[in-house]
Amino acid sequence: MSADGDRLQDTARQAALALPGTDHGYPFTKHLDVYKVAGKVFLIVTDDPDEQIITVKCEPEHARALVHTHASITPGRYLDGRH
């Protein structure tokens, strides 16, 4: 478990809940904290302290640029539009 990971996850959760119309729940599994707007998932936060991951939905071009620029960012396993 990482203090930086905890802070990042807490910040993501707070930012998501501050958005108007955000719904929050665990529709997939008790370990995936899911945030939606208008029924569409835009953020998933893991509740596993050994695997602190946030997955944020964004445009594919933007995602590729972020992956290329930052070593800590990897393609999302849950929000890939190809699946």
C-alpha atoms as a PDB file:
ATOM      1  CA  MET A   1       0.000   0.000   0.000  1.00  0.00           C
ATOM      2  CA  SER A   2       1.296   3.450  -0.902  1.00  0.00           C
ATOM      3  CA  ALA A   3       0.458   6.766   0.723  1.00  0.00           C
ATOM      4  CA  ASP A   4       0.738   8.386  -2.721  1.00  0.00           C
ATOM      5  CA  GLY A   5      -1.645   5.780  -4.130  1.00  0.00           C
ATOM      6  CA  ASP A   6      -4.105   6.406  -1.300  1.00  0.00           C
ATOM      7  CA  ARG A   7      -4.003  10.168  -1.932  1.00  0.00           C
ATOM      8  CA  LEU A   8      -4.457   9.732  -5.677  1.00  0.00           C
ATOM      9  CA  GLN A   9      -7.427   7.414  -5.181  1.00  0.00           C
ATOM     10  CA  ASP A  10      -9.002   9.737  -2.596  1.00  0.00           C
ATOM     11  CA  THR A  11      -8.521  12.737  -4.890  1.00  0.00           C
ATOM     12  CA  ALA A  12     -10.104  10.877  -7.820  1.00  0.00           C
ATOM     13  CA  ARG A  13     -13.088   9.827  -5.697  1.00  0.00           C
ATOM     14  CA  GLN A  14     -13.647  13.349  -4.332  1.00  0.00           C
ATOM     15  CA  ALA A  15     -13.344  14.945  -7.787  1.00  0.00           C
ATOM     16  CA  ALA A  16     -15.806  12.443  -9.266  1.00  0.00           C
ATOM     17  CA  LEU A  17     -18.380  12.962  -6.520  1.00  0.00           C
ATOM     18  CA  ALA A  18     -18.095  16.741  -6.904  1.00  0.00           C
ATOM     19  CA  LEU A  19     -19.309  16.520 -10.506  1.00  0.00           C
ATOM     20  CA  PRO A  20     -23.038  17.134 -11.001  1.00  0.00           C
ATOM     21  CA  GLY A  21     -25.108  14.042 -11.697  1.00  0.00           C
ATOM     22  CA  THR A  22     -22.469  11.524 -10.603  1.00  0.00           C
ATOM     23  CA  ASP A  23     -23.723   8.104  -9.508  1.00  0.00           C
ATOM     24  CA  HIS A  24     -21.496   5.851  -7.431  1.00  0.00           C
ATOM     25  CA  GLY A  25     -21.638   2.149  -6.700  1.00  0.00           C
ATOM     26  CA  TYR A  26     -20.151  -1.320  -7.057  1.00  0.00           C
ATOM     27  CA  PRO A  27     -22.037  -2.815 -10.032  1.00  0.00           C
ATOM     28  CA  PHE A  28     -19.287  -5.204 -11.170  1.00  0.00           C
ATOM     29  CA  THR A  29     -17.554  -6.465  -8.024  1.00  0.00           C
ATOM     30  CA  LYS A  30     -17.081  -5.295  -4.445  1.00  0.00           C
ATOM     31  CA  HIS A  31     -13.475  -4.370  -5.279  1.00  0.00           C
ATOM     32  CA  LEU A  32     -14.249  -1.913  -8.097  1.00  0.00           C
ATOM     33  CA  ASP A  33     -15.549   1.477  -6.985  1.00  0.00           C
ATOM     34  CA  VAL A  34     -17.460   2.756 -10.078  1.00  0.00           C
ATOM     35  CA  TYR A  35     -18.507   6.321 -10.956  1.00  0.00           C
ATOM     36  CA  LYS A  36     -21.020   7.119 -13.710  1.00  0.00           C
ATOM     37  CA  VAL A  37     -22.728  10.120 -15.283  1.00  0.00           C
ATOM     38  CA  ALA A  38     -25.929   9.539 -17.280  1.00  0.00           C
ATOM     39  CA  GLY A  39     -25.392   5.795 -16.898  1.00  0.00           C
ATOM     40  CA  LYS A  40     -21.914   5.910 -18.480  1.00  0.00           C
ATOM     41  CA  VAL A  41     -18.828   4.828 -16.538  1.00  0.00           C
ATOM     42  CA  PHE A  42     -16.075   7.446 -16.430  1.00  0.00           C
ATOM     43  CA  LEU A  43     -13.979   6.361 -13.432  1.00  0.00           C
ATOM     44  CA  ILE A  44     -13.144   3.079 -11.721  1.00  0.00           C
ATOM     45  CA  VAL A  45     -11.081   2.937  -8.531  1.00  0.00           C
ATOM     46  CA  THR A  46      -9.798  -0.361  -7.118  1.00  0.00           C
ATOM     47  CA  ASP A  47     -10.481  -1.054  -3.456  1.00  0.00           C
ATOM     48  CA  ASP A  48      -7.529  -3.458  -3.253  1.00  0.00           C
ATOM     49  CA  PRO A  49      -4.682  -1.897  -1.193  1.00  0.00           C
ATOM     50  CA  ASP A  50      -2.159  -4.138  -2.984  1.00  0.00           C
ATOM     51  CA  GLU A  51      -3.268  -2.948  -6.434  1.00  0.00           C
ATOM     52  CA  GLN A  52      -4.026   0.775  -6.212  1.00  0.00           C
ATOM     53  CA  ILE A  53      -5.383   1.626  -9.648  1.00  0.00           C
ATOM     54  CA  ILE A  54      -7.600   4.349 -11.010  1.00  0.00           C
ATOM     55  CA  THR A  55      -9.012   4.004 -14.501  1.00  0.00           C
ATOM     56  CA  VAL A  56     -10.299   7.167 -16.167  1.00  0.00           C
ATOM     57  CA  LYS A  57     -12.186   7.204 -19.448  1.00  0.00           C
ATOM     58  CA  CYS A  58     -10.846   9.622 -22.068  1.00  0.00           C
ATOM     59  CA  GLU A  59     -10.532  10.040 -25.817  1.00  0.00           C
ATOM     60  CA  PRO A  60      -8.238   7.375 -27.384  1.00  0.00           C
ATOM     61  CA  GLU A  61      -5.820   9.943 -28.821  1.00  0.00           C
ATOM     62  CA  HIS A  62      -5.431  11.612 -25.439  1.00  0.00           C
ATOM     63  CA  ALA A  63      -4.941   8.241 -23.752  1.00  0.00           C
ATOM     64  CA  ARG A  64      -2.196   7.251 -26.202  1.00  0.00           C
ATOM     65  CA  ALA A  65      -0.394  10.555 -25.603  1.00  0.00           C
ATOM     66  CA  LEU A  66      -0.577  10.102 -21.823  1.00  0.00           C
ATOM     67  CA  VAL A  67       0.706   6.513 -22.021  1.00  0.00           C
ATOM     68  CA  HIS A  68       3.571   7.666 -24.236  1.00  0.00           C
ATOM     69  CA  THR A  69       4.479  10.586 -21.944  1.00  0.00           C
ATOM     70  CA  HIS A  70       4.123   9.027 -18.473  1.00  0.00           C
ATOM     71  CA  ALA A  71       5.595   5.628 -17.544  1.00  0.00           C
ATOM     72  CA  SER A  72       3.121   5.181 -14.681  1.00  0.00           C
ATOM     73  CA  ILE A  73       0.103   5.411 -17.019  1.00  0.00           C
ATOM     74  CA  THR A  74      -0.952   2.238 -18.811  1.00  0.00           C
ATOM     75  CA  PRO A  75      -3.948   1.513 -21.043  1.00  0.00           C
ATOM     76  CA  GLY A  76      -7.080   0.925 -18.984  1.00  0.00           C
ATOM     77  CA  ARG A  77      -8.141  -2.659 -18.635  1.00  0.00           C
ATOM     78  CA  TYR A  78     -11.791  -1.866 -17.897  1.00  0.00           C
ATOM     79  CA  LEU A  79     -12.718   1.085 -20.120  1.00  0.00           C
ATOM     80  CA  ASP A  80     -11.143   0.121 -23.452  1.00  0.00           C
ATOM     81  CA  GLY A  81     -13.724   1.023 -26.112  1.00  0.00           C
ATOM     82  CA  ARG A  82     -12.690  -1.917 -28.288  1.00  0.00           C
ATOM     83  CA  HIS A  83     -14.319  -4.402 -25.895  1.00  0.00           C
END
